């Protein structure tokens, strides 16, 4: 283009002849005449030159690709050098450049052309799971990021789960739609097992629980083509972006819930800062989109999984490889478990108990469930005393210290078992108040108005020099006889 400008300037402005300009610039006079007619160079389209070698080997390359493709992986893939080596071994005379150019053009022709889409308010959301790493209570572990993204406004909902299962999938929808305050008309997914049993032609067969979810919120489930995750590229790109923007460095916290709440808080704060090409924030676009969302149903979907369970003779139920205690009166009965993401609600004949979920292989026991049995088994009380006292809380720990100091562990367990029986019969609060008053009297604390302290019995002179570890009535009788009383 610079040369065209020089040619035209020398002839048309400086007045030089065509011959002189051609001699000065070292080009032909025809070239000078051409650029006097046009102000910019014009590239002439020419027919592709014949390539006899490529025409001879192209069918064999296609045949090799068809034969080898089922025998490849992402890391053991077909390369141009491998194809060229095979052709040479078969007697073809072909260079590596020819093979690579053919493969490059073949990929270009077969590459998918993407269509620029239009996202309208309230019309579409995309959903997916992403694997991330967190430090929970000092332990580094892999968890799953559930992401639901409104495609018009770019508003996101994120929550972290222990598992990438159907229960987490359903619970994520309930939390997301409740947080957004409405339901988009279409939700787009991969063909994940939580939603799709199997595909029959182009139509997926939905799982029963996911079908119940979509019927409850009245949205249309749509699915990407198998193996074509870019069909929902908006959520794919945003999930990776959240991992880099909000989950790096690796987040830490005492529980996964606290990490999720902090992450969601950061996402919600960013809606005021993120601006699109039109200069509008995510918050402004979401305010417009929210008016177009379908209304929420009167009550949220119950995402819990219902599962019948049998209660063992130890008053334990087994769920997903973990054991949970239930009231001892349920031993040997059948019960129903309502499994949630964070806890499990177990019911039996109108009674109900809720326990936090435990990891597979562990056991979660509440000794409050065994109070009637502990009232009859002092030795069992002695074995589980630390766990039982931790559950009951104050003042039982102080009481146990007093009893063991004055009576020894064996008789202290007998006394505590009787107190446990009183708790089972009368409830924890009345017994706790009575224990507070008794311990206060022992410590010499002032008594409440209208109550007087009971006088302590005086110890006989002959007994004051003895230390009795486990006091019983017959022990005192023996000592009195020995003292001549």
Protein backbone atom coordinates (compact mmCIF):
# COMPACT_ATOMS: atom_id res chain seq x y z
CA UNK A 1 0.00 0.00 0.00
CA UNK A 2 2.92 2.37 0.73
CA UNK A 3 4.35 1.71 -2.73
CA UNK A 4 1.01 2.53 -4.39
CA UNK A 5 0.96 5.86 -2.59
CA UNK A 6 4.54 6.69 -3.71
CA UNK A 7 3.79 5.80 -7.37
CA UNK A 8 0.64 7.93 -7.48
CA UNK A 9 2.29 10.86 -5.72
CA UNK A 10 5.35 10.94 -8.03
CA UNK A 11 3.25 10.84 -11.21
CA UNK A 12 0.14 12.81 -10.26
CA UNK A 13 1.65 15.38 -7.86
CA UNK A 14 5.33 15.68 -8.78
CA UNK A 15 4.60 15.35 -12.54
CA UNK A 16 7.19 12.71 -13.32
CA UNK A 17 6.80 10.44 -16.32
CA UNK A 18 5.75 6.80 -16.08
CA UNK A 19 9.11 5.73 -17.52
CA UNK A 20 11.06 7.77 -14.94
CA UNK A 21 9.04 6.44 -11.99
CA UNK A 22 9.39 2.86 -13.21
CA UNK A 23 13.17 3.27 -13.56
CA UNK A 24 13.46 4.94 -10.13
CA UNK A 25 11.43 2.34 -8.23
CA UNK A 26 12.65 -0.69 -10.19
CA UNK A 27 9.20 -1.80 -11.36
CA UNK A 28 7.59 -2.21 -14.74
CA UNK A 29 5.74 0.59 -16.51
CA UNK A 30 2.63 -1.62 -16.59
CA UNK A 31 2.67 -1.72 -12.80
CA UNK A 32 2.86 2.09 -12.66
CA UNK A 33 -0.05 2.39 -15.14
CA UNK A 34 -2.13 -0.11 -13.06
CA UNK A 35 -1.83 1.87 -9.85
CA UNK A 36 -2.60 5.09 -11.61
CA UNK A 37 -5.95 3.54 -12.49
CA UNK A 38 -6.71 2.19 -8.94
CA UNK A 39 -5.83 3.73 -5.57
CA UNK A 40 -5.12 0.45 -3.72
CA UNK A 41 -3.70 -2.94 -4.66
CA UNK A 42 -6.20 -5.54 -5.78
CA UNK A 43 -5.55 -9.22 -5.10
CA UNK A 44 -6.65 -11.41 -7.98
CA UNK A 45 -8.34 -14.65 -7.04
CA UNK A 46 -6.60 -17.56 -8.72
CA UNK A 47 -7.55 -21.16 -9.08
CA UNK A 48 -5.82 -23.50 -6.59
CA UNK A 49 -2.82 -25.16 -8.10
CA UNK A 50 -2.97 -28.91 -8.68
CA UNK A 51 -1.50 -31.12 -5.91
CA UNK A 52 -1.08 -34.61 -7.35
CA UNK A 53 0.68 -36.07 -4.29
CA UNK A 54 -2.09 -34.96 -1.92
CA UNK A 55 -4.76 -36.20 -4.32
CA UNK A 56 -3.11 -39.63 -4.25
CA UNK A 57 -2.70 -39.95 -0.44
CA UNK A 58 -5.87 -38.12 0.75
CA UNK A 59 -8.17 -41.17 0.47
CA UNK A 60 -5.69 -43.26 2.45
CA UNK A 61 -5.40 -40.56 5.16
CA UNK A 62 -9.18 -40.52 5.54
CA UNK A 63 -9.21 -44.31 5.78
CA UNK A 64 -6.50 -44.28 8.48
CA UNK A 65 -8.40 -41.70 10.53
CA UNK A 66 -11.55 -43.79 10.38
CA UNK A 67 -9.69 -46.93 11.46
CA UNK A 68 -7.66 -45.31 14.25
CA UNK A 69 -10.19 -42.96 15.84
CA UNK A 70 -11.88 -45.66 17.99
CA UNK A 71 -8.42 -46.60 19.30
CA UNK A 72 -7.41 -43.18 20.62
CA UNK A 73 -7.77 -41.13 23.81
CA UNK A 74 -7.30 -37.44 24.58
CA UNK A 75 -3.64 -38.09 25.44
CA UNK A 76 -3.02 -40.80 22.84
CA UNK A 77 -4.34 -38.95 19.82
CA UNK A 78 -3.57 -39.03 16.09
CA UNK A 79 -0.84 -36.65 14.93
CA UNK A 80 0.37 -35.62 11.51
CA UNK A 81 3.81 -37.18 12.04
CA UNK A 82 2.24 -40.53 12.96
CA UNK A 83 0.05 -40.51 9.84
CA UNK A 84 3.01 -39.53 7.63
CA UNK A 85 5.14 -42.35 9.08
CA UNK A 86 2.38 -44.87 8.34
CA UNK A 87 2.06 -43.61 4.75
CA UNK A 88 5.81 -43.90 4.18
CA UNK A 89 5.78 -47.45 5.58
CA UNK A 90 3.06 -48.29 3.07
CA UNK A 91 5.14 -46.99 0.16
CA UNK A 92 3.71 -43.50 -0.35
CA UNK A 93 6.15 -40.67 -1.07
CA UNK A 94 4.68 -37.77 0.92
CA UNK A 95 6.18 -35.08 3.15
CA UNK A 96 5.10 -34.12 6.66
CA UNK A 97 4.03 -30.63 5.54
CA UNK A 98 1.55 -32.04 3.02
CA UNK A 99 0.00 -34.32 5.63
CA UNK A 100 -0.27 -31.60 8.26
CA UNK A 101 -1.85 -29.12 5.85
CA UNK A 102 -4.42 -31.71 4.82
CA UNK A 103 -5.29 -32.54 8.44
CA UNK A 104 -5.56 -28.84 9.29
CA UNK A 105 -7.93 -28.19 6.40
CA UNK A 106 -9.95 -31.29 7.28
CA UNK A 107 -10.39 -30.05 10.85
CA UNK A 108 -11.41 -26.62 9.57
CA UNK A 109 -14.10 -28.07 7.32
CA UNK A 110 -15.46 -30.33 10.06
CA UNK A 111 -15.35 -27.74 12.86
CA UNK A 112 -18.73 -26.68 14.23
CA UNK A 113 -19.92 -23.17 13.45
CA UNK A 114 -21.39 -21.51 16.53
CA UNK A 115 -24.51 -19.38 16.32
CA UNK A 116 -24.69 -16.08 18.24
CA UNK A 117 -27.70 -16.48 20.53
CA UNK A 118 -30.11 -13.95 22.03
CA UNK A 119 -31.00 -14.24 25.75
CA UNK A 120 -34.25 -12.60 26.84
CA UNK A 121 -35.31 -11.60 30.37
CA UNK A 122 -36.68 -14.50 32.42
CA UNK A 123 -36.31 -16.92 29.54
CA UNK A 124 -33.28 -19.10 30.30
CA UNK A 125 -30.95 -20.29 33.04
CA UNK A 126 -28.08 -22.77 32.77
CA UNK A 127 -27.06 -25.25 35.50
CA UNK A 128 -23.93 -27.31 36.14
CA UNK A 129 -21.61 -28.82 38.78
CA UNK A 130 -17.87 -28.04 39.06
CA UNK A 131 -15.21 -29.82 41.10
CA UNK A 132 -13.38 -27.50 43.55
CA UNK A 133 -11.07 -27.81 46.57
CA UNK A 134 -11.62 -26.33 50.05
CA UNK A 135 -10.00 -26.54 53.49
CA UNK A 136 -12.79 -27.60 55.86
CA UNK A 137 -11.86 -27.62 59.54
CA UNK A 138 -8.18 -27.85 58.58
CA UNK A 139 -8.69 -30.79 56.17
CA UNK A 140 -8.18 -30.27 52.43
CA UNK A 141 -10.88 -32.04 50.44
CA UNK A 142 -12.69 -32.05 47.12
CA UNK A 143 -16.26 -30.75 47.03
CA UNK A 144 -18.74 -29.75 44.30
CA UNK A 145 -19.80 -26.27 43.25
CA UNK A 146 -23.46 -26.07 42.15
CA UNK A 147 -24.03 -23.11 39.84
CA UNK A 148 -27.29 -21.75 38.41
CA UNK A 149 -26.83 -18.74 36.10
CA UNK A 150 -29.54 -16.48 34.65
CA UNK A 151 -28.37 -15.89 31.09
CA UNK A 152 -29.94 -12.45 30.50
CA UNK A 153 -28.77 -10.65 33.63
CA UNK A 154 -25.75 -12.82 34.48
CA UNK A 155 -26.97 -13.26 38.08
CA UNK A 156 -25.45 -16.36 39.70
CA UNK A 157 -26.31 -18.64 42.59
CA UNK A 158 -23.52 -20.82 43.99
CA UNK A 159 -23.50 -23.42 46.78
CA UNK A 160 -20.96 -26.08 47.77
CA UNK A 161 -21.85 -29.73 48.38
CA UNK A 162 -20.07 -32.83 49.66
CA UNK A 163 -21.43 -34.93 46.84
CA UNK A 164 -22.40 -34.51 43.20
CA UNK A 165 -25.56 -36.59 43.58
CA UNK A 166 -29.26 -36.16 42.92
CA UNK A 167 -30.00 -34.94 46.44
CA UNK A 168 -27.46 -32.10 46.12
CA UNK A 169 -28.74 -31.38 42.60
CA UNK A 170 -32.34 -30.98 43.80
CA UNK A 171 -31.37 -29.06 46.93
CA UNK A 172 -29.34 -26.62 44.81
CA UNK A 173 -32.42 -25.82 42.70
CA UNK A 174 -34.57 -25.19 45.79
CA UNK A 175 -31.97 -22.85 47.31
CA UNK A 176 -31.27 -21.05 44.01
CA UNK A 177 -34.86 -20.40 42.98
CA UNK A 178 -35.77 -19.30 46.51
CA UNK A 179 -32.83 -16.89 46.54
CA UNK A 180 -33.62 -15.45 43.10
CA UNK A 181 -37.30 -15.03 43.97
CA UNK A 182 -38.65 -16.56 40.77
CA UNK A 183 -38.34 -19.31 38.16
CA UNK A 184 -36.94 -18.98 34.61
CA UNK A 185 -39.02 -20.60 31.90
CA UNK A 186 -36.25 -22.90 30.64
CA UNK A 187 -33.31 -24.51 32.44
CA UNK A 188 -30.49 -26.03 30.39
CA UNK A 189 -28.42 -29.02 31.60
CA UNK A 190 -25.91 -31.65 30.64
CA UNK A 191 -27.22 -35.19 30.43
CA UNK A 192 -26.27 -35.81 34.06
CA UNK A 193 -27.62 -38.96 35.81
CA UNK A 194 -29.40 -36.89 38.46
CA UNK A 195 -31.83 -35.67 35.77
CA UNK A 196 -31.70 -38.21 32.90
CA UNK A 197 -32.27 -41.97 33.17
CA UNK A 198 -31.35 -42.57 29.54
CA UNK A 199 -31.77 -40.99 26.12
CA UNK A 200 -34.24 -42.47 23.66
CA UNK A 201 -33.33 -40.89 20.35
CA UNK A 202 -33.38 -37.14 20.81
CA UNK A 203 -35.68 -37.19 23.84
CA UNK A 204 -34.20 -37.85 27.31
CA UNK A 205 -36.14 -39.97 29.81
CA UNK A 206 -36.17 -37.99 33.07
CA UNK A 207 -35.68 -39.42 36.55
CA UNK A 208 -38.77 -39.44 38.75
CA UNK A 209 -37.42 -36.96 41.30
CA UNK A 210 -36.25 -34.46 38.68
CA UNK A 211 -39.57 -34.74 36.88
CA UNK A 212 -41.29 -33.96 40.20
CA UNK A 213 -39.02 -30.91 40.65
CA UNK A 214 -39.78 -29.51 37.18
CA UNK A 215 -43.51 -30.14 37.69
CA UNK A 216 -43.41 -28.37 41.05
CA UNK A 217 -41.76 -25.21 39.68
CA UNK A 218 -43.29 -25.47 36.16
CA UNK A 219 -40.07 -24.87 34.19
CA UNK A 220 -39.09 -26.59 30.95
CA UNK A 221 -35.95 -28.76 31.26
CA UNK A 222 -33.69 -28.63 28.20
CA UNK A 223 -30.54 -30.69 27.61
CA UNK A 224 -27.34 -30.15 25.67
CA UNK A 225 -26.29 -32.67 23.06
CA UNK A 226 -24.27 -35.55 24.54
CA UNK A 227 -20.61 -34.59 24.73
CA UNK A 228 -21.30 -31.01 23.61
CA UNK A 229 -20.88 -28.99 26.81
CA UNK A 230 -20.46 -25.76 24.82
CA UNK A 231 -24.22 -25.88 24.13
CA UNK A 232 -24.42 -24.22 27.56
CA UNK A 233 -21.18 -22.29 27.32
CA UNK A 234 -22.40 -19.46 29.56
CA UNK A 235 -22.46 -21.54 32.73
CA UNK A 236 -19.34 -23.48 31.71
CA UNK A 237 -17.27 -20.30 31.41
CA UNK A 238 -18.75 -18.73 34.55
CA UNK A 239 -18.12 -21.83 36.66
CA UNK A 240 -14.44 -21.76 35.78
CA UNK A 241 -14.36 -18.00 36.36
CA UNK A 242 -15.81 -18.34 39.88
CA UNK A 243 -13.22 -21.00 40.67
CA UNK A 244 -10.42 -18.59 39.72
CA UNK A 245 -11.96 -15.36 41.02
CA UNK A 246 -13.55 -16.43 44.32
CA UNK A 247 -12.07 -19.85 45.17
CA UNK A 248 -8.40 -18.97 44.74
CA UNK A 249 -6.52 -19.19 47.04
CA UNK A 250 -8.27 -22.27 48.41
CA UNK A 251 -11.00 -21.06 50.82
CA UNK A 252 -11.04 -22.30 54.39
CA UNK A 253 -13.61 -22.45 57.16
CA UNK A 254 -14.90 -24.59 60.02
CA UNK A 255 -17.80 -26.04 57.98
CA UNK A 256 -18.77 -26.33 54.34
CA UNK A 257 -21.92 -24.31 55.03
CA UNK A 258 -19.89 -21.34 56.30
CA UNK A 259 -17.60 -21.49 53.26
CA UNK A 260 -20.68 -21.59 50.98
CA UNK A 261 -22.32 -18.62 52.71
CA UNK A 262 -19.13 -16.56 52.42
CA UNK A 263 -18.78 -17.46 48.74
CA UNK A 264 -22.41 -16.57 48.02
CA UNK A 265 -21.95 -13.26 49.83
CA UNK A 266 -19.00 -12.40 47.57
CA UNK A 267 -21.04 -13.30 44.47
CA UNK A 268 -23.94 -11.11 45.61
CA UNK A 269 -21.61 -8.16 46.27
CA UNK A 270 -20.09 -8.40 42.80
CA UNK A 271 -23.45 -7.72 41.06
CA UNK A 272 -23.03 -4.00 41.75
CA UNK A 273 -19.52 -3.89 40.25
CA UNK A 274 -19.78 -6.03 37.10
CA UNK A 275 -20.75 -3.97 34.04
CA UNK A 276 -21.75 -5.25 30.59
CA UNK A 277 -20.95 -3.74 27.18
CA UNK A 278 -23.90 -1.36 27.50
CA UNK A 279 -22.63 0.00 30.81
CA UNK A 280 -25.36 -1.70 32.89
CA UNK A 281 -24.56 -3.60 36.07
CA UNK A 282 -25.71 -7.14 36.78
CA UNK A 283 -27.95 -5.73 39.52
CA UNK A 284 -29.72 -3.42 37.05
CA UNK A 285 -30.27 -6.20 34.52
CA UNK A 286 -31.47 -8.58 37.24
CA UNK A 287 -34.01 -5.99 38.46
CA UNK A 288 -35.46 -6.03 34.93
CA UNK A 289 -35.29 -9.82 34.60
CA UNK A 290 -36.88 -10.54 37.96
CA UNK A 291 -40.15 -9.03 36.76
CA UNK A 292 -40.22 -11.62 33.95
CA UNK A 293 -39.56 -14.71 36.09
CA UNK A 294 -42.37 -17.15 36.85
CA UNK A 295 -43.70 -16.86 40.42
CA UNK A 296 -42.54 -19.32 43.06
CA UNK A 297 -45.06 -21.94 44.26
CA UNK A 298 -46.57 -21.42 47.75
CA UNK A 299 -44.12 -23.88 49.32
CA UNK A 300 -40.64 -25.02 48.25
CA UNK A 301 -40.02 -28.46 46.81
CA UNK A 302 -39.10 -31.13 49.37
CA UNK A 303 -35.69 -32.19 48.14
CA UNK A 304 -35.18 -34.90 50.78
CA UNK A 305 -34.93 -38.52 49.67
CA UNK A 306 -37.39 -40.87 51.39
CA UNK A 307 -35.94 -44.23 52.42
CA UNK A 308 -37.36 -47.00 54.67
CA UNK A 309 -34.92 -48.25 57.34
CA UNK A 310 -34.82 -50.96 59.98
CA UNK A 311 -33.87 -50.17 63.58
CA UNK A 312 -31.43 -52.67 65.09
CA UNK A 313 -31.52 -54.04 68.66
CA UNK A 314 -28.93 -51.39 69.50
CA UNK A 315 -31.39 -48.68 68.37
CA UNK A 316 -29.18 -47.91 65.35
CA UNK A 317 -30.12 -47.38 61.70
CA UNK A 318 -27.69 -47.69 58.79
CA UNK A 319 -27.80 -45.18 55.93
CA UNK A 320 -25.21 -44.80 53.15
CA UNK A 321 -22.58 -46.69 55.13
CA UNK A 322 -23.00 -44.65 58.33
CA UNK A 323 -24.88 -45.54 61.53
CA UNK A 324 -27.21 -43.23 63.46
CA UNK A 325 -28.82 -43.71 66.87
CA UNK A 326 -32.57 -43.31 67.42
CA UNK A 327 -34.68 -43.48 70.62
CA UNK A 328 -34.19 -46.85 72.31
CA UNK A 329 -37.96 -47.47 72.31
CA UNK A 330 -37.73 -47.88 68.50
CA UNK A 331 -35.40 -50.90 68.71
CA UNK A 332 -36.54 -53.69 66.38
CA UNK A 333 -39.09 -51.52 64.52
CA UNK A 334 -39.28 -50.17 60.98
CA UNK A 335 -38.81 -46.42 60.45
CA UNK A 336 -38.71 -43.91 57.61
CA UNK A 337 -35.68 -41.70 56.90
CA UNK A 338 -35.98 -38.37 55.09
CA UNK A 339 -32.41 -37.80 53.90
CA UNK A 340 -31.36 -34.19 53.37
CA UNK A 341 -28.06 -32.64 52.34
CA UNK A 342 -27.04 -31.65 55.87
CA UNK A 343 -29.27 -33.73 58.16
CA UNK A 344 -31.57 -36.75 58.27
CA UNK A 345 -35.07 -36.74 59.75
CA UNK A 346 -36.18 -40.18 61.00
CA UNK A 347 -39.78 -40.93 61.98
CA UNK A 348 -41.40 -43.94 63.61
CA UNK A 349 -45.07 -44.22 64.69
CA UNK A 350 -45.56 -40.47 65.00
CA UNK A 351 -42.24 -39.80 66.77
CA UNK A 352 -39.42 -37.94 65.09
CA UNK A 353 -35.70 -37.30 65.58
CA UNK A 354 -33.23 -35.31 63.44
CA UNK A 355 -29.51 -36.06 63.21
CA UNK A 356 -26.69 -34.44 61.23
CA UNK A 357 -25.30 -36.45 58.32
CA UNK A 358 -22.15 -38.46 58.99
CA UNK A 359 -19.51 -39.66 56.57
CA UNK A 360 -19.60 -43.28 55.36
CA UNK A 361 -18.01 -45.68 57.81
CA UNK A 362 -18.66 -43.49 60.86
CA UNK A 363 -21.22 -43.75 63.66
CA UNK A 364 -23.22 -40.91 65.19
CA UNK A 365 -24.66 -41.78 68.62
CA UNK A 366 -26.68 -39.55 70.95
CA UNK A 367 -26.82 -41.07 74.43
CA UNK A 368 -29.96 -39.07 75.17
CA UNK A 369 -31.68 -41.75 73.10
CA UNK A 370 -30.63 -44.40 75.68
CA UNK A 371 -31.61 -42.71 78.97
CA UNK A 372 -34.21 -45.39 80.02
CA UNK A 373 -31.61 -48.14 79.47
CA UNK A 374 -28.78 -46.22 81.16
CA UNK A 375 -31.01 -45.78 84.24
CA UNK A 376 -30.92 -49.58 84.63
CA UNK A 377 -27.27 -50.17 83.69
CA UNK A 378 -24.76 -48.35 85.96
CA UNK A 379 -21.81 -50.14 84.35
CA UNK A 380 -22.85 -48.80 80.93
CA UNK A 381 -23.12 -45.32 82.48
CA UNK A 382 -19.53 -45.64 83.70
CA UNK A 383 -18.30 -46.64 80.21
CA UNK A 384 -20.00 -43.80 78.34
CA UNK A 385 -19.79 -41.17 81.09
CA UNK A 386 -17.59 -38.65 79.15
CA UNK A 387 -19.89 -38.70 76.10
CA UNK A 388 -23.07 -38.63 78.17
CA UNK A 389 -21.88 -35.74 80.36
CA UNK A 390 -20.81 -33.76 77.30
CA UNK A 391 -24.31 -34.15 75.84
CA UNK A 392 -26.16 -33.28 79.05
CA UNK A 393 -23.93 -30.27 79.74
CA UNK A 394 -23.68 -28.44 83.06
CA UNK A 395 -24.13 -29.15 85.92
CA UNK A 396 -23.64 -32.87 85.21
CA UNK A 397 -19.88 -32.54 84.74
CA UNK A 398 -19.50 -30.88 88.15
CA UNK A 399 -21.79 -33.47 89.72
CA UNK A 400 -19.69 -36.32 88.29
CA UNK A 401 -16.51 -34.79 89.74
CA UNK A 402 -18.11 -34.55 93.18
CA UNK A 403 -19.46 -38.11 93.04
CA UNK A 404 -16.19 -39.67 91.88
CA UNK A 405 -14.22 -37.71 94.48
CA UNK A 406 -16.46 -38.85 97.36
CA UNK A 407 -17.72 -42.26 96.22
CA UNK A 408 -15.35 -43.54 93.52
CA UNK A 409 -16.31 -44.23 89.90
CA UNK A 410 -18.24 -47.43 90.53
CA UNK A 411 -20.70 -45.97 93.06
CA UNK A 412 -20.71 -42.63 91.25
CA UNK A 413 -22.03 -44.45 88.19
CA UNK A 414 -24.79 -46.00 90.31
CA UNK A 415 -25.86 -42.60 91.60
CA UNK A 416 -25.68 -41.06 88.15
CA UNK A 417 -27.78 -43.87 86.67
CA UNK A 418 -30.56 -43.02 89.16
CA UNK A 419 -30.34 -39.36 88.19
CA UNK A 420 -30.50 -40.39 84.51
CA UNK A 421 -33.67 -42.32 85.34
CA UNK A 422 -35.14 -39.16 86.82
CA UNK A 423 -34.25 -37.29 83.63
CA UNK A 424 -35.97 -39.95 81.53
CA UNK A 425 -39.08 -39.75 83.73
CA UNK A 426 -39.36 -36.03 84.47
CA UNK A 427 -37.35 -34.25 81.78
CA UNK A 428 -33.97 -32.54 81.79
CA UNK A 429 -34.92 -29.08 83.05
CA UNK A 430 -36.50 -30.02 86.43
CA UNK A 431 -33.60 -32.34 87.24
CA UNK A 432 -31.06 -29.73 86.19
CA UNK A 433 -32.64 -27.15 88.52
CA UNK A 434 -32.60 -29.61 91.40
CA UNK A 435 -28.93 -30.40 90.78
CA UNK A 436 -28.06 -26.70 90.64
CA UNK A 437 -29.66 -26.18 94.04
CA UNK A 438 -27.92 -29.22 95.56
CA UNK A 439 -24.50 -28.20 94.27
CA UNK A 440 -25.05 -24.64 95.43
CA UNK A 441 -25.78 -25.88 98.98
CA UNK A 442 -22.63 -27.98 98.94
CA UNK A 443 -20.61 -24.93 97.89
CA UNK A 444 -22.19 -22.80 100.64
CA UNK A 445 -23.94 -20.54 98.19
CA UNK A 446 -26.91 -18.50 99.47
CA UNK A 447 -30.24 -20.30 99.10
CA UNK A 448 -33.25 -18.92 97.26
CA UNK A 449 -35.85 -17.11 99.36
CA UNK A 450 -38.23 -19.45 101.23
CA UNK A 451 -35.80 -22.44 101.26
CA UNK A 452 -33.41 -23.41 104.04
CA UNK A 453 -30.34 -25.60 103.85
CA UNK A 454 -30.47 -29.04 105.47
CA UNK A 455 -28.02 -29.42 108.39
CA UNK A 456 -25.04 -31.64 107.72
CA UNK A 457 -24.63 -34.66 110.06
CA UNK A 458 -21.62 -34.40 112.38
CA UNK A 459 -18.93 -37.04 111.85
CA UNK A 460 -18.13 -39.00 115.08
CA UNK A 461 -14.68 -38.38 116.54
CA UNK A 462 -13.66 -42.02 116.08
CA UNK A 463 -14.30 -41.83 112.29
CA UNK A 464 -12.53 -38.59 111.49
CA UNK A 465 -9.16 -40.28 110.98
CA UNK A 466 -10.40 -42.70 108.31
CA UNK A 467 -10.64 -42.20 104.55
CA UNK A 468 -13.50 -44.12 102.92
CA UNK A 469 -13.30 -44.34 99.11
CA UNK A 470 -16.72 -45.95 98.55
CA UNK A 471 -19.05 -45.16 101.36
CA UNK A 472 -21.70 -47.76 102.22
CA UNK A 473 -23.74 -48.21 105.38
CA UNK A 474 -22.05 -51.51 106.35
CA UNK A 475 -18.62 -49.81 106.15
CA UNK A 476 -19.63 -47.31 108.78
CA UNK A 477 -21.10 -50.09 110.96
CA UNK A 478 -17.77 -51.94 110.94
CA UNK A 479 -15.88 -48.85 111.93
CA UNK A 480 -18.28 -48.05 114.75
CA UNK A 481 -17.97 -51.59 116.15
CA UNK A 482 -14.18 -51.30 116.05
CA UNK A 483 -14.33 -48.05 117.98
CA UNK A 484 -16.43 -49.64 120.76
CA UNK A 485 -19.59 -47.72 119.99
